[in-house]
Amino acid sequence: MDRNLGPKLDYFVREIKGDLEEFKKFPQFFSFSLERKIKPRHRMLVEYGLKMPLSRMLKVNEGEFNARWFEMLLRMVEER
């Protein structure tokens, strides 16, 4: 496995704990930068106990992702 795909697959399985169905729905996961996009966004979600489908997490620009993340945080606070 090449140096690009291997680390992404490892992160998908071990950290994201993704399953085959999720991967089938969004194989474009492997086209995104692991260090610049996948890890930082996933860690932001995990830090606050939030989950988001991979496509919603990765297909948007930084501003849109932050807006979605903030909305999720607000909903979480309101539910308490």
PDB file of N, CA and C in Angstrom:
ATOM      1  N   MET A   1       0.852  -1.176   0.000  1.00  0.00           N
ATOM      2  CA  MET A   1       0.000   0.000   0.000  1.00  0.00           C
ATOM      3  C   MET A   1       0.899   1.241   0.000  1.00  0.00           C
ATOM      4  N   ASP A   2       0.521   2.241  -0.756  1.00  0.00           N
ATOM      5  CA  ASP A   2       1.400   3.406  -0.853  1.00  0.00           C
ATOM      6  C   ASP A   2       1.372   4.260   0.413  1.00  0.00           C
ATOM      7  N   ARG A   3       2.278   5.216   0.470  1.00  0.00           N
ATOM      8  CA  ARG A   3       2.437   6.039   1.677  1.00  0.00           C
ATOM      9  C   ARG A   3       1.271   6.985   1.901  1.00  0.00           C
ATOM     10  N   ASN A   4       0.447   7.201   0.907  1.00  0.00           N
ATOM     11  CA  ASN A   4      -0.695   8.099   1.037  1.00  0.00           C
ATOM     12  C   ASN A   4      -1.936   7.339   1.513  1.00  0.00           C
ATOM     13  N   LEU A   5      -2.220   6.228   0.872  1.00  0.00           N
ATOM     14  CA  LEU A   5      -3.426   5.465   1.187  1.00  0.00           C
ATOM     15  C   LEU A   5      -3.337   4.749   2.535  1.00  0.00           C
ATOM     16  N   GLY A   6      -2.195   4.174   2.835  1.00  0.00           N
ATOM     17  CA  GLY A   6      -2.023   3.405   4.074  1.00  0.00           C
ATOM     18  C   GLY A   6      -2.358   4.184   5.333  1.00  0.00           C
ATOM     19  N   PRO A   7      -1.752   5.343   5.531  1.00  0.00           N
ATOM     20  CA  PRO A   7      -2.060   6.125   6.736  1.00  0.00           C
ATOM     21  C   PRO A   7      -3.518   6.559   6.817  1.00  0.00           C
ATOM     22  N   LYS A   8      -4.117   6.885   5.670  1.00  0.00           N
ATOM     23  CA  LYS A   8      -5.529   7.282   5.673  1.00  0.00           C
ATOM     24  C   LYS A   8      -6.419   6.110   6.046  1.00  0.00           C
ATOM     25  N   LEU A   9      -6.135   4.949   5.498  1.00  0.00           N
ATOM     26  CA  LEU A   9      -6.912   3.759   5.824  1.00  0.00           C
ATOM     27  C   LEU A   9      -6.761   3.427   7.305  1.00  0.00           C
ATOM     28  N   ASP A  10      -5.544   3.508   7.811  1.00  0.00           N
ATOM     29  CA  ASP A  10      -5.296   3.243   9.225  1.00  0.00           C
ATOM     30  C   ASP A  10      -6.081   4.218  10.110  1.00  0.00           C
ATOM     31  N   TYR A  11      -6.069   5.497   9.778  1.00  0.00           N
ATOM     32  CA  TYR A  11      -6.797   6.498  10.564  1.00  0.00           C
ATOM     33  C   TYR A  11      -8.297   6.246  10.490  1.00  0.00           C
ATOM     34  N   PHE A  12      -8.781   5.902   9.295  1.00  0.00           N
ATOM     35  CA  PHE A  12     -10.201   5.618   9.108  1.00  0.00           C
ATOM     36  C   PHE A  12     -10.651   4.463  10.001  1.00  0.00           C
ATOM     37  N   VAL A  13      -9.861   3.419  10.057  1.00  0.00           N
ATOM     38  CA  VAL A  13     -10.226   2.228  10.826  1.00  0.00           C
ATOM     39  C   VAL A  13     -10.010   2.429  12.319  1.00  0.00           C
ATOM     40  N   ARG A  14      -8.839   2.914  12.713  1.00  0.00           N
ATOM     41  CA  ARG A  14      -8.475   2.991  14.133  1.00  0.00           C
ATOM     42  C   ARG A  14      -9.034   4.196  14.881  1.00  0.00           C
ATOM     43  N   GLU A  15      -9.007   5.351  14.253  1.00  0.00           N
ATOM     44  CA  GLU A  15      -9.413   6.569  14.953  1.00  0.00           C
ATOM     45  C   GLU A  15     -10.872   6.935  14.694  1.00  0.00           C
ATOM     46  N   ILE A  16     -11.249   6.937  13.434  1.00  0.00           N
ATOM     47  CA  ILE A  16     -12.631   7.277  13.085  1.00  0.00           C
ATOM     48  C   ILE A  16     -13.543   6.097  13.402  1.00  0.00           C
ATOM     49  N   LYS A  17     -12.954   4.904  13.399  1.00  0.00           N
ATOM     50  CA  LYS A  17     -13.713   3.669  13.621  1.00  0.00           C
ATOM     51  C   LYS A  17     -14.821   3.540  12.567  1.00  0.00           C
ATOM     52  N   GLY A  18     -14.419   3.886  11.336  1.00  0.00           N
ATOM     53  CA  GLY A  18     -15.349   3.824  10.213  1.00  0.00           C
ATOM     54  C   GLY A  18     -15.646   2.382   9.824  1.00  0.00           C
ATOM     55  N   ASP A  19     -16.777   2.198   9.205  1.00  0.00           N
ATOM     56  CA  ASP A  19     -17.128   0.856   8.746  1.00  0.00           C
ATOM     57  C   ASP A  19     -17.233   0.843   7.221  1.00  0.00           C
ATOM     58  N   LEU A  20     -17.373  -0.343   6.666  1.00  0.00           N
ATOM     59  CA  LEU A  20     -17.398  -0.517   5.227  1.00  0.00           C
ATOM     60  C   LEU A  20     -18.538   0.257   4.581  1.00  0.00           C
ATOM     61  N   GLU A  21     -19.694   0.302   5.207  1.00  0.00           N
ATOM     62  CA  GLU A  21     -20.836   1.030   4.643  1.00  0.00           C
ATOM     63  C   GLU A  21     -20.543   2.519   4.516  1.00  0.00           C
ATOM     64  N   GLU A  22     -19.917   3.073   5.536  1.00  0.00           N
ATOM     65  CA  GLU A  22     -19.577   4.494   5.494  1.00  0.00           C
ATOM     66  C   GLU A  22     -18.575   4.764   4.375  1.00  0.00           C
ATOM     67  N   PHE A  23     -17.621   3.863   4.241  1.00  0.00           N
ATOM     68  CA  PHE A  23     -16.630   4.010   3.184  1.00  0.00           C
ATOM     69  C   PHE A  23     -17.275   3.911   1.806  1.00  0.00           C
ATOM     70  N   LYS A  24     -18.213   2.990   1.640  1.00  0.00           N
ATOM     71  CA  LYS A  24     -18.908   2.840   0.355  1.00  0.00           C
ATOM     72  C   LYS A  24     -19.669   4.115  -0.007  1.00  0.00           C
ATOM     73  N   LYS A  25     -20.229   4.775   0.990  1.00  0.00           N
ATOM     74  CA  LYS A  25     -20.991   6.003   0.757  1.00  0.00           C
ATOM     75  C   LYS A  25     -20.082   7.178   0.391  1.00  0.00           C
ATOM     76  N   PHE A  26     -18.827   7.132   0.846  1.00  0.00           N
ATOM     77  CA  PHE A  26     -17.938   8.281   0.636  1.00  0.00           C
ATOM     78  C   PHE A  26     -16.489   7.841   0.391  1.00  0.00           C
ATOM     79  N   PRO A  27     -16.229   7.185  -0.749  1.00  0.00           N
ATOM     80  CA  PRO A  27     -14.854   6.765  -1.048  1.00  0.00           C
ATOM     81  C   PRO A  27     -13.927   7.952  -1.317  1.00  0.00           C
ATOM     82  N   GLN A  28     -14.489   9.139  -1.549  1.00  0.00           N
ATOM     83  CA  GLN A  28     -13.671  10.334  -1.774  1.00  0.00           C
ATOM     84  C   GLN A  28     -12.834  10.694  -0.546  1.00  0.00           C
ATOM     85  N   PHE A  29     -13.142  10.063   0.589  1.00  0.00           N
ATOM     86  CA  PHE A  29     -12.368  10.266   1.818  1.00  0.00           C
ATOM     87  C   PHE A  29     -10.873  10.255   1.515  1.00  0.00           C
ATOM     88  N   PHE A  30     -10.449   9.333   0.647  1.00  0.00           N
ATOM     89  CA  PHE A  30      -9.026   9.163   0.372  1.00  0.00           C
ATOM     90  C   PHE A  30      -8.426  10.280  -0.475  1.00  0.00           C
ATOM     91  N   SER A  31      -9.239  11.170  -0.987  1.00  0.00           N
ATOM     92  CA  SER A  31      -8.710  12.278  -1.783  1.00  0.00           C
ATOM     93  C   SER A  31      -8.385  13.505  -0.934  1.00  0.00           C
ATOM     94  N   PHE A  32      -8.764  13.495   0.338  1.00  0.00           N
ATOM     95  CA  PHE A  32      -8.525  14.640   1.214  1.00  0.00           C
ATOM     96  C   PHE A  32      -7.226  14.466   1.993  1.00  0.00           C
ATOM     97  N   SER A  33      -6.616  15.575   2.351  1.00  0.00           N
ATOM     98  CA  SER A  33      -5.364  15.552   3.104  1.00  0.00           C
ATOM     99  C   SER A  33      -5.604  15.055   4.529  1.00  0.00           C
ATOM    100  N   LEU A  34      -4.846  14.053   4.906  1.00  0.00           N
ATOM    101  CA  LEU A  34      -4.968  13.502   6.250  1.00  0.00           C
ATOM    102  C   LEU A  34      -4.558  14.523   7.307  1.00  0.00           C
ATOM    103  N   GLU A  35      -3.438  15.169   7.103  1.00  0.00           N
ATOM    104  CA  GLU A  35      -2.894  16.086   8.112  1.00  0.00           C
ATOM    105  C   GLU A  35      -3.563  17.454   8.110  1.00  0.00           C
ATOM    106  N   ARG A  36      -3.970  17.941   6.951  1.00  0.00           N
ATOM    107  CA  ARG A  36      -4.529  19.291   6.871  1.00  0.00           C
ATOM    108  C   ARG A  36      -6.046  19.344   6.997  1.00  0.00           C
ATOM    109  N   LYS A  37      -6.726  18.226   6.740  1.00  0.00           N
ATOM    110  CA  LYS A  37      -8.184  18.303   6.762  1.00  0.00           C
ATOM    111  C   LYS A  37      -8.830  17.207   7.608  1.00  0.00           C
ATOM    112  N   ILE A  38      -8.498  15.960   7.364  1.00  0.00           N
ATOM    113  CA  ILE A  38      -9.183  14.854   8.033  1.00  0.00           C
ATOM    114  C   ILE A  38      -8.932  14.870   9.542  1.00  0.00           C
ATOM    115  N   LYS A  39      -7.679  14.819   9.942  1.00  0.00           N
ATOM    116  CA  LYS A  39      -7.360  14.758  11.378  1.00  0.00           C
ATOM    117  C   LYS A  39      -7.864  15.979  12.153  1.00  0.00           C
ATOM    118  N   PRO A  40      -7.573  17.205  11.699  1.00  0.00           N
ATOM    119  CA  PRO A  40      -8.020  18.355  12.495  1.00  0.00           C
ATOM    120  C   PRO A  40      -9.538  18.409  12.682  1.00  0.00           C
ATOM    121  N   ARG A  41     -10.278  18.126  11.637  1.00  0.00           N
ATOM    122  CA  ARG A  41     -11.733  18.197  11.741  1.00  0.00           C
ATOM    123  C   ARG A  41     -12.272  17.058  12.599  1.00  0.00           C
ATOM    124  N   HIS A  42     -11.742  15.877  12.406  1.00  0.00           N
ATOM    125  CA  HIS A  42     -12.199  14.739  13.215  1.00  0.00           C
ATOM    126  C   HIS A  42     -11.897  14.985  14.691  1.00  0.00           C
ATOM    127  N   ARG A  43     -10.717  15.508  14.989  1.00  0.00           N
ATOM    128  CA  ARG A  43     -10.343  15.765  16.387  1.00  0.00           C
ATOM    129  C   ARG A  43     -11.233  16.827  17.027  1.00  0.00           C
ATOM    130  N   MET A  44     -11.617  17.838  16.249  1.00  0.00           N
ATOM    131  CA  MET A  44     -12.530  18.862  16.788  1.00  0.00           C
ATOM    132  C   MET A  44     -13.850  18.232  17.202  1.00  0.00           C
ATOM    133  N   LEU A  45     -14.360  17.353  16.368  1.00  0.00           N
ATOM    134  CA  LEU A  45     -15.625  16.686  16.673  1.00  0.00           C
ATOM    135  C   LEU A  45     -15.488  15.779  17.889  1.00  0.00           C
ATOM    136  N   VAL A  46     -14.440  14.974  17.912  1.00  0.00           N
ATOM    137  CA  VAL A  46     -14.229  14.025  19.008  1.00  0.00           C
ATOM    138  C   VAL A  46     -14.056  14.749  20.337  1.00  0.00           C
ATOM    139  N   GLU A  47     -13.352  15.854  20.312  1.00  0.00           N
ATOM    140  CA  GLU A  47     -13.094  16.610  21.542  1.00  0.00           C
ATOM    141  C   GLU A  47     -14.393  16.985  22.263  1.00  0.00           C
ATOM    142  N   TYR A  48     -15.447  17.211  21.491  1.00  0.00           N
ATOM    143  CA  TYR A  48     -16.729  17.607  22.086  1.00  0.00           C
ATOM    144  C   TYR A  48     -17.778  16.502  22.013  1.00  0.00           C
ATOM    145  N   GLY A  49     -17.353  15.303  21.659  1.00  0.00           N
ATOM    146  CA  GLY A  49     -18.279  14.175  21.612  1.00  0.00           C
ATOM    147  C   GLY A  49     -19.291  14.267  20.487  1.00  0.00           C
ATOM    148  N   LEU A  50     -18.910  14.911  19.397  1.00  0.00           N
ATOM    149  CA  LEU A  50     -19.811  15.093  18.266  1.00  0.00           C
ATOM    150  C   LEU A  50     -19.471  14.120  17.144  1.00  0.00           C
ATOM    151  N   LYS A  51     -20.471  13.803  16.338  1.00  0.00           N
ATOM    152  CA  LYS A  51     -20.270  12.949  15.165  1.00  0.00           C
ATOM    153  C   LYS A  51     -20.904  13.622  13.966  1.00  0.00           C
ATOM    154  N   MET A  52     -20.265  13.406  12.809  1.00  0.00           N
ATOM    155  CA  MET A  52     -20.746  13.979  11.562  1.00  0.00           C
ATOM    156  C   MET A  52     -20.377  13.006  10.451  1.00  0.00           C
ATOM    157  N   PRO A  53     -21.264  12.776   9.501  1.00  0.00           N
ATOM    158  CA  PRO A  53     -20.898  11.912   8.374  1.00  0.00           C
ATOM    159  C   PRO A  53     -19.649  12.450   7.672  1.00  0.00           C
ATOM    160  N   LEU A  54     -18.836  11.547   7.171  1.00  0.00           N
ATOM    161  CA  LEU A  54     -17.590  11.958   6.520  1.00  0.00           C
ATOM    162  C   LEU A  54     -17.808  12.990   5.427  1.00  0.00           C
ATOM    163  N   SER A  55     -18.824  12.804   4.621  1.00  0.00           N
ATOM    164  CA  SER A  55     -19.036  13.749   3.518  1.00  0.00           C
ATOM    165  C   SER A  55     -19.337  15.156   4.049  1.00  0.00           C
ATOM    166  N   ARG A  56     -20.123  15.251   5.103  1.00  0.00           N
ATOM    167  CA  ARG A  56     -20.435  16.573   5.688  1.00  0.00           C
ATOM    168  C   ARG A  56     -19.203  17.171   6.366  1.00  0.00           C
ATOM    169  N   MET A  57     -18.339  16.326   6.867  1.00  0.00           N
ATOM    170  CA  MET A  57     -17.134  16.782   7.547  1.00  0.00           C
ATOM    171  C   MET A  57     -16.087  17.285   6.558  1.00  0.00           C
ATOM    172  N   LEU A  58     -15.999  16.666   5.385  1.00  0.00           N
ATOM    173  CA  LEU A  58     -14.871  16.941   4.506  1.00  0.00           C
ATOM    174  C   LEU A  58     -15.176  17.725   3.232  1.00  0.00           C
ATOM    175  N   LYS A  59     -16.382  17.651   2.722  1.00  0.00           N
ATOM    176  CA  LYS A  59     -16.663  18.249   1.414  1.00  0.00           C
ATOM    177  C   LYS A  59     -16.862  19.757   1.445  1.00  0.00           C
ATOM    178  N   VAL A  60     -16.886  20.350   2.600  1.00  0.00           N
ATOM    179  CA  VAL A  60     -17.132  21.789   2.701  1.00  0.00           C
ATOM    180  C   VAL A  60     -15.850  22.548   3.033  1.00  0.00           C
ATOM    181  N   ASN A  61     -15.874  23.855   2.789  1.00  0.00           N
ATOM    182  CA  ASN A  61     -14.705  24.669   3.122  1.00  0.00           C
ATOM    183  C   ASN A  61     -14.617  24.851   4.644  1.00  0.00           C
ATOM    184  N   GLU A  62     -13.555  25.461   5.075  1.00  0.00           N
ATOM    185  CA  GLU A  62     -13.300  25.622   6.514  1.00  0.00           C
ATOM    186  C   GLU A  62     -14.406  26.410   7.216  1.00  0.00           C
ATOM    187  N   GLY A  63     -14.868  27.477   6.582  1.00  0.00           N
ATOM    188  CA  GLY A  63     -15.918  28.292   7.185  1.00  0.00           C
ATOM    189  C   GLY A  63     -17.215  27.523   7.367  1.00  0.00           C
ATOM    190  N   GLU A  64     -17.612  26.766   6.366  1.00  0.00           N
ATOM    191  CA  GLU A  64     -18.847  25.980   6.446  1.00  0.00           C
ATOM    192  C   GLU A  64     -18.715  24.871   7.487  1.00  0.00           C
ATOM    193  N   PHE A  65     -17.548  24.234   7.537  1.00  0.00           N
ATOM    194  CA  PHE A  65     -17.344  23.203   8.560  1.00  0.00           C
ATOM    195  C   PHE A  65     -17.470  23.813   9.952  1.00  0.00           C
ATOM    196  N   ASN A  66     -16.815  24.945  10.158  1.00  0.00           N
ATOM    197  CA  ASN A  66     -16.871  25.599  11.472  1.00  0.00           C
ATOM    198  C   ASN A  66     -18.298  25.991  11.842  1.00  0.00           C
ATOM    199  N   ALA A  67     -19.063  26.436  10.862  1.00  0.00           N
ATOM    200  CA  ALA A  67     -20.462  26.802  11.118  1.00  0.00           C
ATOM    201  C   ALA A  67     -21.263  25.570  11.538  1.00  0.00           C
ATOM    202  N   ARG A  68     -21.059  24.463  10.852  1.00  0.00           N
ATOM    203  CA  ARG A  68     -21.764  23.217  11.202  1.00  0.00           C
ATOM    204  C   ARG A  68     -21.362  22.743  12.590  1.00  0.00           C
ATOM    205  N   TRP A  69     -20.064  22.810  12.884  1.00  0.00           N
ATOM    206  CA  TRP A  69     -19.544  22.391  14.189  1.00  0.00           C
ATOM    207  C   TRP A  69     -20.150  23.260  15.295  1.00  0.00           C
ATOM    208  N   PHE A  70     -20.190  24.569  15.064  1.00  0.00           N
ATOM    209  CA  PHE A  70     -20.731  25.485  16.061  1.00  0.00           C
ATOM    210  C   PHE A  70     -22.222  25.237  16.290  1.00  0.00           C
ATOM    211  N   GLU A  71     -22.972  24.999  15.222  1.00  0.00           N
ATOM    212  CA  GLU A  71     -24.398  24.686  15.353  1.00  0.00           C
ATOM    213  C   GLU A  71     -24.605  23.429  16.192  1.00  0.00           C
ATOM    214  N   MET A  72     -23.780  22.427  15.962  1.00  0.00           N
ATOM    215  CA  MET A  72     -23.884  21.188  16.733  1.00  0.00           C
ATOM    216  C   MET A  72     -23.585  21.448  18.206  1.00  0.00           C
ATOM    217  N   LEU A  73     -22.595  22.282  18.472  1.00  0.00           N
ATOM    218  CA  LEU A  73     -22.263  22.629  19.859  1.00  0.00           C
ATOM    219  C   LEU A  73     -23.427  23.348  20.537  1.00  0.00           C
ATOM    220  N   LEU A  74     -24.023  24.289  19.825  1.00  0.00           N
ATOM    221  CA  LEU A  74     -25.158  25.027  20.383  1.00  0.00           C
ATOM    222  C   LEU A  74     -26.320  24.093  20.700  1.00  0.00           C
ATOM    223  N   ARG A  75     -26.620  23.180  19.783  1.00  0.00           N
ATOM    224  CA  ARG A  75     -27.705  22.225  20.027  1.00  0.00           C
ATOM    225  C   ARG A  75     -27.404  21.356  21.241  1.00  0.00           C
ATOM    226  N   MET A  76     -26.157  20.967  21.379  1.00  0.00           N
ATOM    227  CA  MET A  76     -25.751  20.122  22.514  1.00  0.00           C
ATOM    228  C   MET A  76     -25.967  20.882  23.835  1.00  0.00           C
ATOM    229  N   VAL A  77     -25.600  22.161  23.858  1.00  0.00           N
ATOM    230  CA  VAL A  77     -25.766  22.982  25.051  1.00  0.00           C
ATOM    231  C   VAL A  77     -27.255  23.198  25.359  1.00  0.00           C
ATOM    232  N   GLU A  78     -28.034  23.452  24.327  1.00  0.00           N
ATOM    233  CA  GLU A  78     -29.467  23.677  24.516  1.00  0.00           C
ATOM    234  C   GLU A  78     -30.185  22.441  25.052  1.00  0.00           C
ATOM    235  N   GLU A  79     -29.701  21.265  24.704  1.00  0.00           N
ATOM    236  CA  GLU A  79     -30.336  20.019  25.138  1.00  0.00           C
ATOM    237  C   GLU A  79     -30.043  19.702  26.599  1.00  0.00           C
ATOM    238  N   ARG A  80     -29.075  20.347  27.175  1.00  0.00           N
ATOM    239  CA  ARG A  80     -28.703  20.078  28.582  1.00  0.00           C
ATOM    240  C   ARG A  80     -29.614  20.753  29.531  1.00  0.00           C
TER     241      ARG A  80
END
